Amino acid sequence: MTDLIRLQPEGLAGPGSRFHIDAWGKAAVNLITHAHGDHARAGSAEYWCAEPCAAILRHRLGPEARIRPVPYREPVRLGDCWISFHPAGHILGSAQIRVEQASRVWVVTGDYKRDADPTCESFEPVPCDTMITEATFGLPIYRWDSAHEVTRRIVEWWQRCREDNVTALLFCYALGKAQRILAELARFTRDEVLLHGAVASLTQIYREQGVAMVPTRLVSDAEGPTEGRLVLAPPSAHRSPWMKRFRQVSTAFASGWMAVRGIRRRRGYHRGFVLSDHADWRGLLETVEQSRASRLLVTHGSSDTLARYLREVKGMKAEALTTHFGEEEA
């Protein structure tokens, strides 16, 4: 029996290539797990996504893109398959994609996390026969503290920056991570946070969907000096000409990669906060177990390591699958 989902030059393809999932080439129907750039690429004729993802996808792909929003958990017929989107807990609108044909069920997780996040629906286990799972942080060294605890450390660092009269410049991914930080900060403070333009436009979309966050303002619209203020910016702004507007700064990066101190030193940040929108080692193993899948295909990150662990320690049928996913986290 052939696989329900197969790897093709354009990406993960369903039966008869009637649809692709997060295609990296052009597709007739492209089912999108979430709107990060490595999963939602331009060029397909039509895009299907979970309802909360549609506004972000429109922002990313432009007004001409044909986008079909689908409510979470609602089965939709596509050829001889039933398709449904289920919460992945990665960012706003992120989804696992369930594909059912006759008696077979496959699930493509896309990127996901198991920790609570005030900006999106929590991950929902979806039983299946075969699961294609990410493994961005698929090593035992990756074990996350709670977002509340990490945010408390960010607030303490910000306070020290105020005392030292320097700008607290926190780098984080513009889509998902920045908004999560702004929402988590609302549990500690109502002080205004300044935003790089790339972060501000996406934050507005989150606000329009009812996500509660601290007050924000564009850095370019800030009144008075920025010393003592917290600024959120994308990693691409680090060491760029944009930073010349600040006189004295303390820099930090919020990412799961900050669990490895050598990475922080190589990237030249003063501080690192371990906050990830991906599952850690325990979350990956928990998800595999709850899926009840008889076969696991593991993609991006530490895919070989996780697949080998599942085979040799857990006795599961597992193998690595090479895809183009993971560029957002590289």
Protein backbone atom coordinates (compact mmCIF):
# COMPACT_ATOMS: atom_id res chain seq x y z
CA MET A 1 0.00 0.00 0.00
CA THR A 2 1.39 3.41 -0.97
CA ASP A 3 1.85 6.14 1.61
CA LEU A 4 -1.06 8.50 2.08
CA ILE A 5 1.34 11.45 2.10
CA ARG A 6 4.50 11.32 0.00
CA LEU A 7 7.54 13.51 -0.47
CA GLN A 8 7.66 15.19 -3.89
CA PRO A 9 9.86 17.97 -5.35
CA GLU A 10 7.14 20.49 -4.39
CA GLY A 11 6.84 19.15 -0.84
CA LEU A 12 4.54 16.81 1.09
CA ALA A 13 1.81 15.65 -1.30
CA GLY A 14 -1.53 13.92 -0.80
CA PRO A 15 -3.04 11.23 -3.07
CA GLY A 16 -2.85 12.10 -6.75
CA SER A 17 -1.07 15.35 -5.80
CA ARG A 18 -4.51 16.97 -5.35
CA PHE A 19 -3.03 18.89 -2.44
CA HIS A 20 0.28 19.62 -0.74
CA ILE A 21 1.04 20.47 2.89
CA ASP A 22 3.28 23.51 3.48
CA ALA A 23 4.56 23.17 -0.09
CA TRP A 24 7.97 24.68 -0.82
CA GLY A 25 7.12 24.61 -4.53
CA LYS A 26 3.93 25.62 -6.33
CA ALA A 27 0.78 23.64 -5.50
CA ALA A 28 -2.80 23.55 -6.74
CA VAL A 29 -4.10 23.41 -3.16
CA ASN A 30 -1.62 24.19 -0.39
CA LEU A 31 -2.68 23.23 3.14
CA ILE A 32 -0.86 25.53 5.57
CA THR A 33 0.06 24.53 9.13
CA HIS A 34 1.02 28.12 10.08
CA ALA A 35 2.20 31.39 8.57
CA HIS A 36 5.96 31.33 9.23
CA GLY A 37 7.91 31.84 6.03
CA ASP A 38 9.35 28.32 5.81
CA HIS A 39 5.84 26.82 5.87
CA ALA A 40 3.78 29.42 3.97
CA ARG A 41 5.43 30.22 0.65
CA ALA A 42 4.01 32.23 -2.23
CA GLY A 43 3.14 30.75 -5.60
CA SER A 44 0.32 28.24 -4.97
CA ALA A 45 -3.06 28.56 -6.67
CA GLU A 46 -5.06 28.19 -3.45
CA TYR A 47 -4.33 28.07 0.27
CA TRP A 48 -6.32 26.37 3.03
CA CYS A 49 -5.59 27.19 6.66
CA ALA A 50 -7.16 27.25 10.11
CA GLU A 51 -9.45 30.27 10.56
CA PRO A 52 -7.24 32.23 13.01
CA CYS A 53 -4.31 31.91 10.57
CA ALA A 54 -6.07 33.60 7.64
CA ALA A 55 -5.33 37.25 8.52
CA ILE A 56 -1.63 36.56 9.10
CA LEU A 57 -1.43 34.50 5.91
CA ARG A 58 -3.06 37.35 3.98
CA HIS A 59 -0.51 39.76 5.43
CA ARG A 60 2.32 37.47 4.35
CA LEU A 61 1.06 36.48 0.88
CA GLY A 62 -0.72 39.64 -0.26
CA PRO A 63 -4.27 40.54 -1.34
CA GLU A 64 -4.24 38.41 -4.50
CA ALA A 65 -3.71 35.09 -2.72
CA ARG A 66 -6.75 32.77 -2.68
CA ILE A 67 -7.18 31.77 0.95
CA ARG A 68 -9.83 29.44 2.35
CA PRO A 69 -10.13 29.58 6.17
CA VAL A 70 -11.39 26.37 7.80
CA PRO A 71 -12.65 26.22 11.42
CA TYR A 72 -10.61 24.06 13.76
CA ARG A 73 -11.74 20.40 13.86
CA GLU A 74 -14.21 20.76 10.95
CA PRO A 75 -13.71 17.98 8.34
CA VAL A 76 -13.64 19.14 4.72
CA ARG A 77 -13.72 16.88 1.67
CA LEU A 78 -10.80 17.15 -0.74
CA GLY A 79 -10.77 14.52 -3.48
CA ASP A 80 -11.21 11.19 -1.73
CA CYS A 81 -9.75 12.50 1.56
CA TRP A 82 -11.19 14.25 4.58
CA ILE A 83 -9.05 17.14 5.81
CA SER A 84 -9.24 18.84 9.21
CA PHE A 85 -7.13 21.39 11.09
CA HIS A 86 -6.38 20.93 14.81
CA PRO A 87 -4.66 23.34 17.26
CA ALA A 88 -0.87 23.02 17.36
CA GLY A 89 -0.13 25.66 20.03
CA HIS A 90 2.83 27.06 18.05
CA ILE A 91 1.57 30.56 17.16
CA LEU A 92 -1.81 32.16 16.45
CA GLY A 93 -3.65 30.03 13.88
CA SER A 94 -1.12 27.19 13.88
CA ALA A 95 -2.56 23.77 13.11
CA GLN A 96 -1.84 20.12 12.79
CA ILE A 97 -3.33 18.75 9.59
CA ARG A 98 -5.26 15.49 9.79
CA VAL A 99 -5.75 13.57 6.54
CA GLU A 100 -8.15 10.61 6.42
CA GLN A 101 -8.70 8.30 3.47
CA ALA A 102 -10.83 5.18 3.95
CA SER A 103 -9.43 3.52 7.08
CA ARG A 104 -6.11 5.40 7.16
CA VAL A 105 -5.33 8.53 9.17
CA TRP A 106 -2.16 10.61 8.89
CA VAL A 107 -1.30 13.74 10.87
CA VAL A 108 1.26 16.38 9.91
CA THR A 109 2.02 18.35 13.05
CA GLY A 110 3.83 21.30 11.51
CA ASP A 111 5.57 23.20 14.32
CA TYR A 112 4.02 22.80 17.77
CA LYS A 113 4.55 23.27 21.48
CA ARG A 114 2.94 21.77 24.56
CA ASP A 115 3.30 24.79 26.90
CA ALA A 116 0.45 27.19 27.60
CA ASP A 117 0.41 30.35 25.47
CA PRO A 118 -2.12 33.20 25.94
CA THR A 119 -1.93 34.10 22.23
CA CYS A 120 -3.20 30.85 20.69
CA GLU A 121 -5.20 27.69 21.27
CA SER A 122 -3.33 24.96 23.11
CA PHE A 123 -2.02 21.84 21.40
CA GLU A 124 -4.61 19.11 20.99
CA PRO A 125 -3.48 15.46 20.63
CA VAL A 126 -4.82 13.88 17.44
CA PRO A 127 -4.74 10.05 17.27
CA CYS A 128 -3.52 8.66 13.96
CA ASP A 129 -1.84 5.74 12.21
CA THR A 130 1.16 7.71 10.91
CA MET A 131 2.44 11.01 12.26
CA ILE A 132 4.91 13.39 10.64
CA THR A 133 6.36 15.31 13.57
CA GLU A 134 8.87 18.11 13.86
CA ALA A 135 12.02 17.70 15.98
CA THR A 136 13.46 21.21 16.13
CA PHE A 137 14.60 20.66 19.73
CA GLY A 138 14.75 16.87 19.62
CA LEU A 139 17.60 16.40 22.11
CA PRO A 140 17.35 15.62 25.86
CA ILE A 141 19.24 18.84 26.71
CA TYR A 142 16.21 20.91 25.71
CA ARG A 143 13.81 21.15 28.66
CA TRP A 144 11.85 24.37 29.09
CA ASP A 145 11.04 26.34 32.22
CA SER A 146 7.57 27.87 32.37
CA ALA A 147 6.92 30.98 30.29
CA HIS A 148 5.86 32.76 33.50
CA GLU A 149 9.28 32.15 35.05
CA VAL A 150 11.15 33.23 31.90
CA THR A 151 9.04 36.39 31.64
CA ARG A 152 9.81 37.20 35.27
CA ARG A 153 13.53 37.08 34.36
CA ILE A 154 12.90 39.38 31.39
CA VAL A 155 11.14 41.88 33.67
CA GLU A 156 14.04 41.77 36.14
CA TRP A 157 16.54 42.41 33.33
CA TRP A 158 14.41 45.30 32.08
CA GLN A 159 14.36 46.79 35.57
CA ARG A 160 18.17 46.58 35.80
CA CYS A 161 18.41 48.32 32.44
CA ARG A 162 16.24 51.13 33.85
CA GLU A 163 18.53 51.44 36.84
CA ASP A 164 21.58 51.53 34.54
CA ASN A 165 19.87 53.98 32.14
CA VAL A 166 20.34 51.78 29.07
CA THR A 167 17.84 50.55 26.47
CA ALA A 168 16.70 46.94 26.95
CA LEU A 169 16.81 45.59 23.40
CA LEU A 170 15.18 42.15 23.19
CA PHE A 171 15.44 40.28 19.90
CA CYS A 172 12.81 37.66 19.08
CA TYR A 173 10.97 36.28 16.05
CA ALA A 174 8.56 38.90 14.72
CA LEU A 175 5.67 36.47 14.32
CA GLY A 176 4.55 34.51 17.35
CA LYS A 177 7.39 34.94 19.81
CA ALA A 178 7.13 38.75 20.05
CA GLN A 179 3.36 38.63 20.63
CA ARG A 180 3.71 35.86 23.19
CA ILE A 181 6.21 37.97 25.14
CA LEU A 182 3.90 41.00 24.99
CA ALA A 183 0.99 38.88 26.26
CA GLU A 184 3.06 37.30 29.05
CA LEU A 185 4.34 40.74 30.10
CA ALA A 186 0.73 41.85 30.64
CA ARG A 187 0.69 39.59 33.72
CA PHE A 188 3.51 41.64 35.25
CA THR A 189 3.14 45.24 34.04
CA ARG A 190 1.15 47.76 32.02
CA ASP A 191 4.24 49.69 30.96
CA GLU A 192 4.54 50.47 27.27
CA VAL A 193 6.92 48.45 25.07
CA LEU A 194 8.51 49.85 21.91
CA LEU A 195 8.44 47.82 18.70
CA HIS A 196 10.46 47.53 15.52
CA GLY A 197 8.21 48.02 12.48
CA ALA A 198 8.40 44.34 11.48
CA VAL A 199 7.01 43.38 14.88
CA ALA A 200 4.38 46.13 15.04
CA SER A 201 2.41 45.17 11.93
CA LEU A 202 2.02 41.56 13.05
CA THR A 203 1.19 42.62 16.61
CA GLN A 204 -1.72 44.66 15.28
CA ILE A 205 -3.17 41.53 13.65
CA TYR A 206 -3.02 39.75 17.01
CA ARG A 207 -4.81 42.68 18.69
CA GLU A 208 -7.54 42.59 16.05
CA GLN A 209 -8.13 38.94 16.95
CA GLY A 210 -8.60 39.81 20.61
CA VAL A 211 -5.21 38.88 22.07
CA ALA A 212 -4.51 40.96 25.19
CA MET A 213 -0.99 42.44 25.38
CA VAL A 214 0.81 45.33 27.05
CA PRO A 215 0.56 48.75 25.35
CA THR A 216 2.98 49.18 22.45
CA ARG A 217 4.31 51.92 20.22
CA LEU A 218 6.65 52.04 17.25
CA VAL A 219 10.22 52.94 18.16
CA SER A 220 10.04 55.71 15.55
CA ASP A 221 7.04 57.21 17.37
CA ALA A 222 8.59 57.10 20.84
CA GLU A 223 8.58 60.31 22.81
CA GLY A 224 11.80 61.17 24.60
CA PRO A 225 14.88 58.98 25.08
CA THR A 226 14.67 55.17 24.94
CA GLU A 227 16.98 54.56 27.89
CA GLY A 228 15.13 52.42 30.42
CA ARG A 229 12.59 51.30 27.84
CA LEU A 230 12.06 47.76 26.53
CA VAL A 231 12.30 47.36 22.75
CA LEU A 232 11.34 44.23 20.77
CA ALA A 233 13.00 43.68 17.39
CA PRO A 234 13.56 40.76 14.95
CA PRO A 235 16.96 39.02 14.94
CA SER A 236 17.72 40.54 11.52
CA ALA A 237 17.98 43.97 13.19
CA HIS A 238 20.83 42.87 15.43
CA ARG A 239 24.03 44.75 14.55
CA SER A 240 22.20 46.49 11.70
CA PRO A 241 22.20 50.28 11.01
CA TRP A 242 18.77 50.39 12.72
CA MET A 243 20.53 49.99 16.08
CA LYS A 244 22.46 53.25 15.68
CA ARG A 245 19.44 55.16 17.02
CA PHE A 246 20.14 53.81 20.51
CA ARG A 247 22.95 55.27 22.58
CA GLN A 248 23.52 52.62 25.26
CA VAL A 249 21.94 49.16 24.99
CA SER A 250 21.80 45.81 26.69
CA THR A 251 20.91 43.15 24.14
CA ALA A 252 19.13 39.85 24.68
CA PHE A 253 17.64 37.09 22.55
CA ALA A 254 14.55 35.04 23.45
CA SER A 255 14.75 31.58 21.88
CA GLY A 256 15.02 27.92 22.71
CA TRP A 257 18.53 28.07 21.24
CA MET A 258 19.58 30.15 24.25
CA ALA A 259 19.65 26.90 26.23
CA VAL A 260 23.11 26.46 24.67
CA ARG A 261 25.37 29.19 26.07
CA GLY A 262 27.87 28.90 23.25
CA ILE A 263 25.22 29.95 20.74
CA ARG A 264 24.47 33.11 22.74
CA ARG A 265 28.17 34.01 22.86
CA ARG A 266 28.66 33.40 19.14
CA ARG A 267 25.69 35.57 18.26
CA GLY A 268 26.94 38.39 20.47
CA TYR A 269 24.00 38.94 22.85
CA HIS A 270 24.49 40.12 26.42
CA ARG A 271 21.66 37.93 27.71
CA GLY A 272 19.74 34.89 26.57
CA PHE A 273 16.22 33.94 27.62
CA VAL A 274 15.17 30.34 26.94
CA LEU A 275 11.68 30.75 25.54
CA SER A 276 10.58 28.54 22.66
CA ASP A 277 7.46 28.10 20.58
CA HIS A 278 8.45 24.49 19.91
CA ALA A 279 8.08 21.36 22.01
CA ASP A 280 11.04 20.41 24.16
CA TRP A 281 12.32 16.83 24.49
CA ARG A 282 9.62 15.84 26.98
CA GLY A 283 6.90 17.48 24.89
CA LEU A 284 7.99 15.61 21.75
CA LEU A 285 7.93 12.24 23.52
CA GLU A 286 4.57 13.01 25.15
CA THR A 287 3.10 13.93 21.76
CA VAL A 288 4.38 10.77 20.09
CA GLU A 289 2.87 8.65 22.86
CA GLN A 290 -0.51 10.42 22.77
CA SER A 291 -0.76 10.10 18.99
CA ARG A 292 -0.90 6.30 19.30
CA ALA A 293 0.73 6.22 15.87
CA SER A 294 2.23 2.95 14.69
CA ARG A 295 4.67 4.82 12.45
CA LEU A 296 6.57 8.09 12.98
CA LEU A 297 8.27 10.23 10.37
CA VAL A 298 10.51 12.87 11.96
CA THR A 299 11.47 16.09 10.18
CA HIS A 300 13.79 19.08 10.72
CA GLY A 301 15.96 19.80 13.70
CA SER A 302 17.34 16.70 15.40
CA SER A 303 15.27 14.34 13.28
CA ASP A 304 17.86 11.54 13.12
CA THR A 305 18.40 11.58 16.88
CA LEU A 306 14.72 11.50 17.78
CA ALA A 307 13.92 8.83 15.19
CA ARG A 308 16.77 6.64 16.47
CA TYR A 309 15.61 7.08 20.08
CA LEU A 310 12.06 6.10 19.17
CA ARG A 311 13.32 2.99 17.39
CA GLU A 312 15.99 1.80 19.79
CA VAL A 313 14.53 2.85 23.15
CA LYS A 314 10.79 2.95 22.55
CA GLY A 315 10.64 0.12 20.00
CA MET A 316 8.64 2.22 17.54
CA LYS A 317 8.72 2.26 13.77
CA ALA A 318 10.36 5.63 13.13
CA GLU A 319 12.55 7.23 10.48
CA ALA A 320 13.86 10.66 9.58
CA LEU A 321 12.27 12.60 6.73
CA THR A 322 14.24 15.33 4.97
CA THR A 323 12.19 18.48 4.22
CA HIS A 324 12.81 22.19 3.67
CA PHE A 325 11.21 23.16 7.00
CA GLY A 326 13.10 24.87 9.80
CA GLU A 327 14.43 28.05 8.19
CA GLU A 328 12.61 30.27 10.72
CA GLU A 329 14.52 28.60 13.55
CA ALA A 330 17.94 28.33 11.91
